[in-house]
């Protein structure tokens, strides 16, 4: 009888994609809904022919219900035309899910993703946690396409996570939770119970790690990692020992929206599904019925804009002290820019004043990222990158979004992860 009960529960989980365990739930108060509408419109307005096609934005649009059908169609077509060879495994997986949420056939992207995951292995047992983000998205995408064929791939991935000694960052932990929760919910009837025990153990470890990052105001990690973490904690069958107050998190996020913190399309794409009561596990259930374009109700909260034309001074340092790198330097310059300017303006002014501060950027789904300073470029093989700090605190926004304050000391530090 016990075996029959387990099979019945497995069937229920497979059909609904959810666990029967009670979880913390929360929602946006109706009076605050125009705030959410505003940031969705801002995110959708970023889609045009010149921008990097961001699958996370299309995912968020489809889960939330797109306002701009034109933006939705344009982004869908651009992602359909993307060359699989040009995508990382994470980008390929997100593109697959985005197209699925648009009721489009991903074509050979699924088979390519499966082949890559069948051949995937971490560089070492103590590989940096961020290297597991792409494979986590891949497991989630494959689980939603065919959980039965994904089961052995997911099991091998889960065992690798158990053996890894490196702590997860928030986005990786959250995405791994979503992926393994999908597999946990969709273990095919008749499969060995060892799979459920394996996924359960890994989920327990990851979720406990996520729960240690819950701050007193409800933010999980930082404001930009909170969206994915909310998704993970709302669906995991393994609840953490530390209780999570979802509504407190929601209220804090809404307060930050009022402050204008969410203005980067990617940051909006990460938080929007949770604000709409959705998660990436809902991708297969998105309705693609044609509908009329909906005009949202705007909020009454004014968007913060620079009101002063005065200048500020930013102290800007570029630093590389990594051993094994020939070009060692530590240079500082004072830069005067218009108050309210983003950090990218500071970097451009420093470059204009002194060629030592020359820099290059790379376009990513998060926007422009600093890839090289003073002819020293980041290197994936060496695990090096340029980290931006205010004082000693890493910035939560990129150079194209962060707005420095007067006499702030910004450091670009060549770092190894």
Protein backbone atom coordinates (compact mmCIF):
# COMPACT_ATOMS: atom_id res chain seq x y z
CA UNK A 1 0.00 0.00 0.00
CA UNK A 2 2.82 2.38 0.83
CA UNK A 3 4.26 1.89 -2.65
CA UNK A 4 0.88 2.61 -4.20
CA UNK A 5 0.57 5.79 -2.11
CA UNK A 6 3.98 6.95 -3.28
CA UNK A 7 3.01 6.30 -6.89
CA UNK A 8 -0.25 8.23 -6.48
CA UNK A 9 1.60 11.17 -4.97
CA UNK A 10 4.15 10.97 -7.80
CA UNK A 11 1.31 11.12 -10.32
CA UNK A 12 -0.20 14.12 -8.54
CA UNK A 13 3.15 15.93 -8.52
CA UNK A 14 3.76 15.08 -12.18
CA UNK A 15 0.37 16.47 -13.21
CA UNK A 16 0.43 19.62 -11.13
CA UNK A 17 4.14 20.34 -10.99
CA UNK A 18 3.73 21.33 -7.33
CA UNK A 19 4.23 19.82 -3.92
CA UNK A 20 1.41 19.23 -1.43
CA UNK A 21 3.40 20.91 1.35
CA UNK A 22 2.13 24.27 2.65
CA UNK A 23 4.41 27.18 1.87
CA UNK A 24 4.67 30.84 2.68
CA UNK A 25 2.56 32.83 0.22
CA UNK A 26 2.31 36.52 -0.48
CA UNK A 27 0.90 38.94 -3.00
CA UNK A 28 1.08 42.54 -4.15
CA UNK A 29 -1.67 44.67 -2.54
CA UNK A 30 -4.05 46.03 -5.17
CA UNK A 31 -3.11 49.61 -4.29
CA UNK A 32 0.53 48.83 -5.14
CA UNK A 33 -0.18 47.00 -8.39
CA UNK A 34 0.47 50.12 -10.55
CA UNK A 35 4.08 50.03 -9.29
CA UNK A 36 4.49 46.56 -10.73
CA UNK A 37 2.84 47.68 -13.97
CA UNK A 38 5.32 50.54 -14.24
CA UNK A 39 8.45 48.42 -14.04
CA UNK A 40 6.98 45.87 -16.45
CA UNK A 41 6.35 48.65 -18.98
CA UNK A 42 9.90 49.89 -18.41
CA UNK A 43 11.28 46.40 -19.03
CA UNK A 44 9.21 45.89 -22.18
CA UNK A 45 10.18 49.30 -23.54
CA UNK A 46 13.84 48.16 -23.55
CA UNK A 47 13.10 45.69 -26.37
CA UNK A 48 14.03 46.97 -29.80
CA UNK A 49 16.03 45.95 -32.85
CA UNK A 50 19.29 47.29 -31.45
CA UNK A 51 19.31 45.59 -28.04
CA UNK A 52 20.75 42.26 -26.97
CA UNK A 53 17.89 39.66 -27.14
CA UNK A 54 17.37 38.75 -23.50
CA UNK A 55 15.47 35.48 -22.92
CA UNK A 56 14.92 36.37 -19.25
CA UNK A 57 12.95 39.43 -20.35
CA UNK A 58 10.72 37.33 -22.63
CA UNK A 59 10.21 34.78 -19.85
CA UNK A 60 9.11 37.53 -17.48
CA UNK A 61 6.82 39.07 -20.12
CA UNK A 62 5.10 35.76 -20.82
CA UNK A 63 4.75 34.75 -17.17
CA UNK A 64 3.38 38.17 -16.22
CA UNK A 65 1.26 38.64 -19.33
CA UNK A 66 2.81 41.01 -21.86
CA UNK A 67 1.48 44.52 -22.29
CA UNK A 68 3.32 45.18 -25.55
CA UNK A 69 2.54 42.45 -28.06
CA UNK A 70 4.92 44.12 -30.50
CA UNK A 71 7.84 43.82 -28.06
CA UNK A 72 6.83 40.25 -27.26
CA UNK A 73 6.80 39.23 -30.94
CA UNK A 74 10.06 41.02 -31.74
CA UNK A 75 11.91 39.38 -28.88
CA UNK A 76 10.45 35.97 -29.73
CA UNK A 77 11.58 36.22 -33.37
CA UNK A 78 15.07 37.42 -32.38
CA UNK A 79 15.50 34.48 -30.00
CA UNK A 80 14.20 32.01 -32.61
CA UNK A 81 16.86 33.30 -35.00
CA UNK A 82 19.69 33.05 -32.46
CA UNK A 83 22.56 30.74 -33.36
CA UNK A 84 22.93 27.91 -30.85
CA UNK A 85 26.71 27.92 -31.36
CA UNK A 86 26.93 31.50 -30.06
CA UNK A 87 25.16 30.76 -26.76
CA UNK A 88 26.49 29.56 -23.43
CA UNK A 89 24.68 26.59 -21.92
CA UNK A 90 22.79 28.95 -19.59
CA UNK A 91 21.76 31.28 -22.41
CA UNK A 92 20.70 28.30 -24.52
CA UNK A 93 18.56 26.93 -21.68
CA UNK A 94 16.91 30.29 -20.98
CA UNK A 95 16.26 30.75 -24.70
CA UNK A 96 14.64 27.30 -24.84
CA UNK A 97 12.35 28.13 -21.90
CA UNK A 98 11.55 31.58 -23.29
CA UNK A 99 10.49 30.13 -26.63
CA UNK A 100 8.47 27.42 -24.85
CA UNK A 101 6.67 30.12 -22.86
CA UNK A 102 5.84 31.77 -26.21
CA UNK A 103 4.39 28.46 -27.46
CA UNK A 104 7.17 28.25 -30.05
CA UNK A 105 9.07 25.10 -30.94
CA UNK A 106 12.69 25.55 -29.74
CA UNK A 107 13.76 23.26 -32.58
CA UNK A 108 17.25 21.76 -32.25
CA UNK A 109 18.00 23.86 -29.18
CA UNK A 110 16.61 21.14 -26.89
CA UNK A 111 18.68 18.34 -28.43
CA UNK A 112 21.77 20.55 -28.35
CA UNK A 113 21.11 21.32 -24.70
CA UNK A 114 20.69 17.65 -23.86
CA UNK A 115 23.92 16.72 -25.62
CA UNK A 116 25.83 19.42 -23.78
CA UNK A 117 24.48 18.27 -20.42
CA UNK A 118 25.22 14.62 -21.17
CA UNK A 119 28.84 15.64 -21.71
CA UNK A 120 28.97 18.21 -18.90
CA UNK A 121 31.33 17.88 -15.96
CA UNK A 122 32.63 20.50 -13.51
CA UNK A 123 36.24 21.57 -13.88
CA UNK A 124 36.94 20.22 -10.38
CA UNK A 125 35.12 19.08 -7.23
CA UNK A 126 35.65 22.52 -5.71
CA UNK A 127 34.60 24.40 -8.87
CA UNK A 128 33.31 27.90 -8.23
CA UNK A 129 29.58 27.88 -7.47
CA UNK A 130 28.78 30.22 -10.35
CA UNK A 131 29.87 27.50 -12.80
CA UNK A 132 26.76 25.52 -11.80
CA UNK A 133 24.30 28.27 -12.79
CA UNK A 134 24.13 27.43 -16.51
CA UNK A 135 23.78 23.66 -15.95
CA UNK A 136 21.02 24.35 -13.39
CA UNK A 137 19.02 26.30 -15.99
CA UNK A 138 19.69 23.50 -18.46
CA UNK A 139 18.28 20.85 -16.09
CA UNK A 140 15.19 23.01 -15.57
CA UNK A 141 14.64 23.46 -19.31
CA UNK A 142 15.16 19.75 -20.03
CA UNK A 143 12.91 18.74 -17.12
CA UNK A 144 10.08 20.79 -18.60
CA UNK A 145 10.61 19.22 -22.02
CA UNK A 146 11.04 15.55 -21.05
CA UNK A 147 11.59 14.66 -17.38
CA UNK A 148 12.04 10.95 -18.10
CA UNK A 149 15.07 11.35 -20.37
CA UNK A 150 16.41 14.11 -18.11
CA UNK A 151 16.29 11.96 -14.96
CA UNK A 152 19.77 10.33 -15.24
CA UNK A 153 21.33 13.66 -16.28
CA UNK A 154 19.71 15.41 -13.32
CA UNK A 155 20.78 12.65 -10.92
CA UNK A 156 24.41 12.96 -12.01
CA UNK A 157 24.17 16.73 -11.65
CA UNK A 158 22.66 16.41 -8.16
CA UNK A 159 25.46 14.06 -7.03
CA UNK A 160 27.98 16.59 -8.32
CA UNK A 161 26.30 19.31 -6.25
CA UNK A 162 26.49 17.11 -3.15
CA UNK A 163 30.20 16.56 -3.68
CA UNK A 164 30.97 20.22 -4.34
CA UNK A 165 32.56 22.07 -1.42
CA UNK A 166 32.14 25.61 -2.78
CA UNK A 167 29.21 27.61 -1.30
CA UNK A 168 26.54 28.66 -3.77
CA UNK A 169 25.87 32.25 -4.67
CA UNK A 170 22.21 33.22 -4.49
CA UNK A 171 21.29 33.02 -8.18
CA UNK A 172 22.96 29.63 -8.62
CA UNK A 173 21.36 28.21 -5.48
CA UNK A 174 17.93 29.50 -6.47
CA UNK A 175 18.16 28.17 -10.02
CA UNK A 176 19.43 24.78 -8.82
CA UNK A 177 16.46 24.66 -6.42
CA UNK A 178 14.00 25.37 -9.24
CA UNK A 179 15.64 22.74 -11.46
CA UNK A 180 15.73 19.96 -8.87
CA UNK A 181 12.24 20.83 -7.61
CA UNK A 182 11.01 20.33 -11.17
CA UNK A 183 12.70 16.93 -11.26
CA UNK A 184 11.45 16.03 -7.76
CA UNK A 185 7.88 16.82 -8.82
CA UNK A 186 8.15 14.93 -12.10
CA UNK A 187 9.99 11.73 -11.22
CA UNK A 188 8.35 9.19 -13.55
CA UNK A 189 6.16 6.58 -11.91
CA UNK A 190 8.08 3.34 -11.41
CA UNK A 191 11.46 5.04 -11.02
CA UNK A 192 13.70 4.14 -8.11
CA UNK A 193 12.88 5.96 -4.87
CA UNK A 194 16.60 6.71 -4.59
CA UNK A 195 16.05 9.56 -7.04
CA UNK A 196 13.57 11.27 -4.73
CA UNK A 197 15.88 10.85 -1.74
CA UNK A 198 18.81 12.26 -3.74
CA UNK A 199 16.95 15.32 -4.98
CA UNK A 200 15.46 15.85 -1.52
CA UNK A 201 18.88 15.85 0.16
CA UNK A 202 20.41 18.27 -2.32
CA UNK A 203 17.39 20.57 -2.10
CA UNK A 204 17.57 20.55 1.69
CA UNK A 205 21.23 21.58 1.61
CA UNK A 206 20.72 24.36 -0.94
CA UNK A 207 17.56 25.76 0.66
CA UNK A 208 19.20 25.87 4.08
CA UNK A 209 22.03 27.84 2.49
CA UNK A 210 19.56 30.27 0.89
CA UNK A 211 17.73 30.74 4.19
CA UNK A 212 20.93 31.90 5.91
CA UNK A 213 20.95 34.89 3.52
CA UNK A 214 17.46 36.12 4.56
CA UNK A 215 17.96 39.56 6.09
CA UNK A 216 15.87 41.20 8.80
CA UNK A 217 13.91 43.21 6.23
CA UNK A 218 13.14 40.10 4.17
CA UNK A 219 15.65 40.69 1.38
CA UNK A 220 17.38 37.44 0.39
CA UNK A 221 21.05 37.98 -0.39
CA UNK A 222 20.67 41.39 -2.00
CA UNK A 223 17.77 43.12 -3.70
CA UNK A 224 18.75 41.77 -7.14
CA UNK A 225 19.04 38.13 -6.06
CA UNK A 226 15.76 38.24 -4.13
CA UNK A 227 13.49 37.57 -7.13
CA UNK A 228 14.93 34.15 -8.01
CA UNK A 229 15.26 33.27 -4.31
CA UNK A 230 11.56 34.04 -3.80
CA UNK A 231 10.74 31.67 -6.66
CA UNK A 232 12.90 28.94 -5.13
CA UNK A 233 11.55 29.22 -1.59
CA UNK A 234 7.95 29.33 -2.82
CA UNK A 235 8.13 25.96 -4.61
CA UNK A 236 10.75 23.79 -2.90
CA UNK A 237 9.43 20.62 -1.23
CA UNK A 238 12.17 21.01 1.39
CA UNK A 239 11.42 24.03 3.55
CA UNK A 240 14.31 25.58 5.51
CA UNK A 241 14.50 25.49 9.31
CA UNK A 242 14.47 29.31 9.35
CA UNK A 243 10.97 30.56 8.65
CA UNK A 244 10.62 32.86 5.65
CA UNK A 245 8.10 35.71 5.79
CA UNK A 246 7.21 36.08 2.12
CA UNK A 247 4.96 39.10 2.63
CA UNK A 248 7.75 40.97 4.43
CA UNK A 249 10.03 40.31 1.47
CA UNK A 250 7.32 41.46 -0.94
CA UNK A 251 6.71 44.69 1.01
CA UNK A 252 10.42 45.54 1.08
CA UNK A 253 10.73 44.92 -2.66
CA UNK A 254 7.76 47.22 -3.31
CA UNK A 255 9.38 49.93 -1.17
CA UNK A 256 12.55 49.60 -3.26
CA UNK A 257 10.53 49.89 -6.46
CA UNK A 258 9.18 53.21 -5.15
CA UNK A 259 12.78 54.35 -4.68
CA UNK A 260 13.52 53.63 -8.35
CA UNK A 261 15.99 50.84 -7.65
CA UNK A 262 14.62 48.56 -10.38
CA UNK A 263 15.47 50.22 -13.68
CA UNK A 264 17.72 47.67 -15.40
CA UNK A 265 15.63 45.35 -17.65
CA UNK A 266 17.38 42.26 -16.28
CA UNK A 267 16.80 43.22 -12.65
CA UNK A 268 13.12 43.74 -13.46
CA UNK A 269 12.95 40.40 -15.30
CA UNK A 270 14.32 38.63 -12.22
CA UNK A 271 11.78 40.10 -9.78
CA UNK A 272 8.65 40.39 -11.98
CA UNK A 273 7.52 36.72 -11.93
CA UNK A 274 7.44 36.70 -8.12
CA UNK A 275 5.50 39.97 -8.08
CA UNK A 276 2.95 38.30 -10.35
CA UNK A 277 2.79 35.10 -8.27
CA UNK A 278 4.63 33.05 -10.89
CA UNK A 279 7.82 31.00 -11.05
CA UNK A 280 9.85 29.42 -13.85
CA UNK A 281 8.04 26.15 -13.05
CA UNK A 282 4.95 27.76 -14.61
CA UNK A 283 6.58 28.03 -18.06
CA UNK A 284 4.84 24.92 -19.53
CA UNK A 285 1.46 26.25 -18.37
CA UNK A 286 1.60 29.71 -19.95
CA UNK A 287 -1.44 30.43 -22.09
CA UNK A 288 -0.63 31.76 -25.54
CA UNK A 289 -4.19 32.66 -26.55
CA UNK A 290 -4.10 35.81 -28.70
CA UNK A 291 -5.36 38.82 -26.80
CA UNK A 292 -5.66 42.54 -27.19
CA UNK A 293 -2.81 44.70 -26.01
CA UNK A 294 -3.48 45.83 -22.44
CA UNK A 295 -2.59 49.30 -21.24
CA UNK A 296 -1.60 49.19 -17.55
CA UNK A 297 -2.68 51.73 -14.99
CA UNK A 298 0.32 53.98 -14.18
CA UNK A 299 1.37 54.55 -10.58
CA UNK A 300 1.14 57.84 -8.74
CA UNK A 301 4.72 57.58 -7.57
CA UNK A 302 7.09 59.89 -9.43
CA UNK A 303 10.17 58.29 -10.92
CA UNK A 304 13.34 59.65 -9.30
CA UNK A 305 15.31 61.79 -11.74
CA UNK A 306 18.34 63.98 -11.21
CA UNK A 307 17.17 67.51 -10.41
CA UNK A 308 20.51 69.20 -9.92
CA UNK A 309 22.88 70.43 -12.59
CA UNK A 310 25.81 70.72 -10.18
CA UNK A 311 28.90 68.53 -10.44
CA UNK A 312 30.26 65.94 -8.04
CA UNK A 313 33.75 64.51 -7.62
CA UNK A 314 34.28 60.77 -7.73
CA UNK A 315 37.56 59.18 -6.65
CA UNK A 316 38.28 56.35 -9.08
CA UNK A 317 40.97 53.69 -8.61
CA UNK A 318 42.00 50.86 -10.93
CA UNK A 319 43.91 48.07 -9.25
CA UNK A 320 45.58 44.80 -10.17
CA UNK A 321 47.78 43.00 -7.68
CA UNK A 322 47.17 39.43 -8.82
CA UNK A 323 50.29 37.33 -8.83
CA UNK A 324 51.12 35.74 -12.15
CA UNK A 325 49.74 38.73 -14.03
CA UNK A 326 52.58 40.77 -15.52
CA UNK A 327 50.81 44.12 -15.59
CA UNK A 328 50.57 45.18 -11.93
CA UNK A 329 49.21 48.63 -11.18
CA UNK A 330 47.29 50.80 -8.75
CA UNK A 331 46.22 54.15 -10.18
CA UNK A 332 43.82 56.74 -8.77
CA UNK A 333 42.21 59.76 -10.41
CA UNK A 334 39.65 62.37 -9.31
CA UNK A 335 36.83 62.79 -11.81
CA UNK A 336 34.22 65.54 -11.97
CA UNK A 337 30.84 64.63 -13.52
CA UNK A 338 27.28 65.94 -13.47
CA UNK A 339 25.36 64.93 -10.34
CA UNK A 340 23.11 61.97 -11.17
CA UNK A 341 25.46 60.57 -13.82
CA UNK A 342 25.92 56.82 -13.95
CA UNK A 343 29.31 55.27 -13.22
CA UNK A 344 29.95 54.65 -16.92
CA UNK A 345 30.20 58.44 -17.38
CA UNK A 346 32.86 58.53 -14.65
CA UNK A 347 34.87 55.83 -16.42
CA UNK A 348 34.62 57.64 -19.75
CA UNK A 349 35.79 60.91 -18.20
CA UNK A 350 38.73 59.17 -16.47
CA UNK A 351 39.68 57.60 -19.80
CA UNK A 352 39.52 61.00 -21.50
CA UNK A 353 41.80 62.56 -18.88
CA UNK A 354 44.32 59.71 -18.69
CA UNK A 355 44.79 56.86 -21.23
CA UNK A 356 45.90 54.55 -18.39
CA UNK A 357 42.21 54.35 -17.48
CA UNK A 358 41.22 53.05 -20.92
CA UNK A 359 38.46 50.46 -20.66
CA UNK A 360 36.31 48.18 -22.81
CA UNK A 361 32.84 46.77 -22.30
CA UNK A 362 30.90 43.68 -23.30
CA UNK A 363 27.15 43.54 -23.81
CA UNK A 364 25.41 40.89 -21.69
CA UNK A 365 21.82 40.20 -20.65
CA UNK A 366 22.50 42.40 -17.60
CA UNK A 367 23.66 45.25 -19.83
CA UNK A 368 27.18 46.58 -20.34
CA UNK A 369 29.85 44.85 -18.28
CA UNK A 370 33.44 46.05 -17.88
CA UNK A 371 35.62 43.48 -19.66
CA UNK A 372 39.01 45.23 -19.84
CA UNK A 373 40.82 48.10 -18.09
CA UNK A 374 44.29 49.38 -18.94
CA UNK A 375 44.59 46.62 -21.57
CA UNK A 376 44.03 43.93 -18.93
CA UNK A 377 41.05 41.79 -19.92
CA UNK A 378 38.97 39.32 -17.94
CA UNK A 379 39.73 35.68 -18.69
CA UNK A 380 37.33 32.76 -18.17
CA UNK A 381 40.15 30.18 -18.14
CA UNK A 382 42.04 32.11 -15.47
CA UNK A 383 38.74 32.88 -13.65
CA UNK A 384 39.54 36.59 -13.57
CA UNK A 385 37.17 39.54 -13.88
CA UNK A 386 36.86 43.24 -13.04
CA UNK A 387 34.97 43.79 -9.79
CA UNK A 388 33.54 47.25 -9.01
CA UNK A 389 33.48 48.38 -5.39
CA UNK A 390 32.30 51.38 -3.40
CA UNK A 391 34.89 51.60 -0.67
CA UNK A 392 35.23 47.91 0.18
CA UNK A 393 31.67 46.94 -0.74
CA UNK A 394 30.96 45.27 -4.12
CA UNK A 395 28.42 47.14 -6.23
CA UNK A 396 25.06 45.48 -6.84
CA UNK A 397 24.63 47.30 -10.16
CA UNK A 398 26.73 47.60 -13.28
CA UNK A 399 28.56 50.67 -14.53
CA UNK A 400 25.67 51.63 -16.80
CA UNK A 401 23.20 51.70 -13.90
CA UNK A 402 25.02 52.63 -10.69
CA UNK A 403 24.85 56.33 -9.75
CA UNK A 404 27.81 57.41 -7.57
CA UNK A 405 27.54 60.09 -4.90
CA UNK A 406 29.84 63.02 -4.17
CA UNK A 407 33.35 62.06 -2.97
CA UNK A 408 32.56 58.36 -3.31
CA UNK A 409 35.62 56.14 -3.81
CA UNK A 410 34.99 53.66 -6.61
CA UNK A 411 37.54 50.91 -7.21
CA UNK A 412 37.80 48.60 -10.21
CA UNK A 413 39.69 45.63 -8.84
CA UNK A 414 41.04 42.82 -11.03
CA UNK A 415 39.81 39.78 -9.13
CA UNK A 416 39.96 36.00 -9.30
CA UNK A 417 37.00 33.83 -8.30
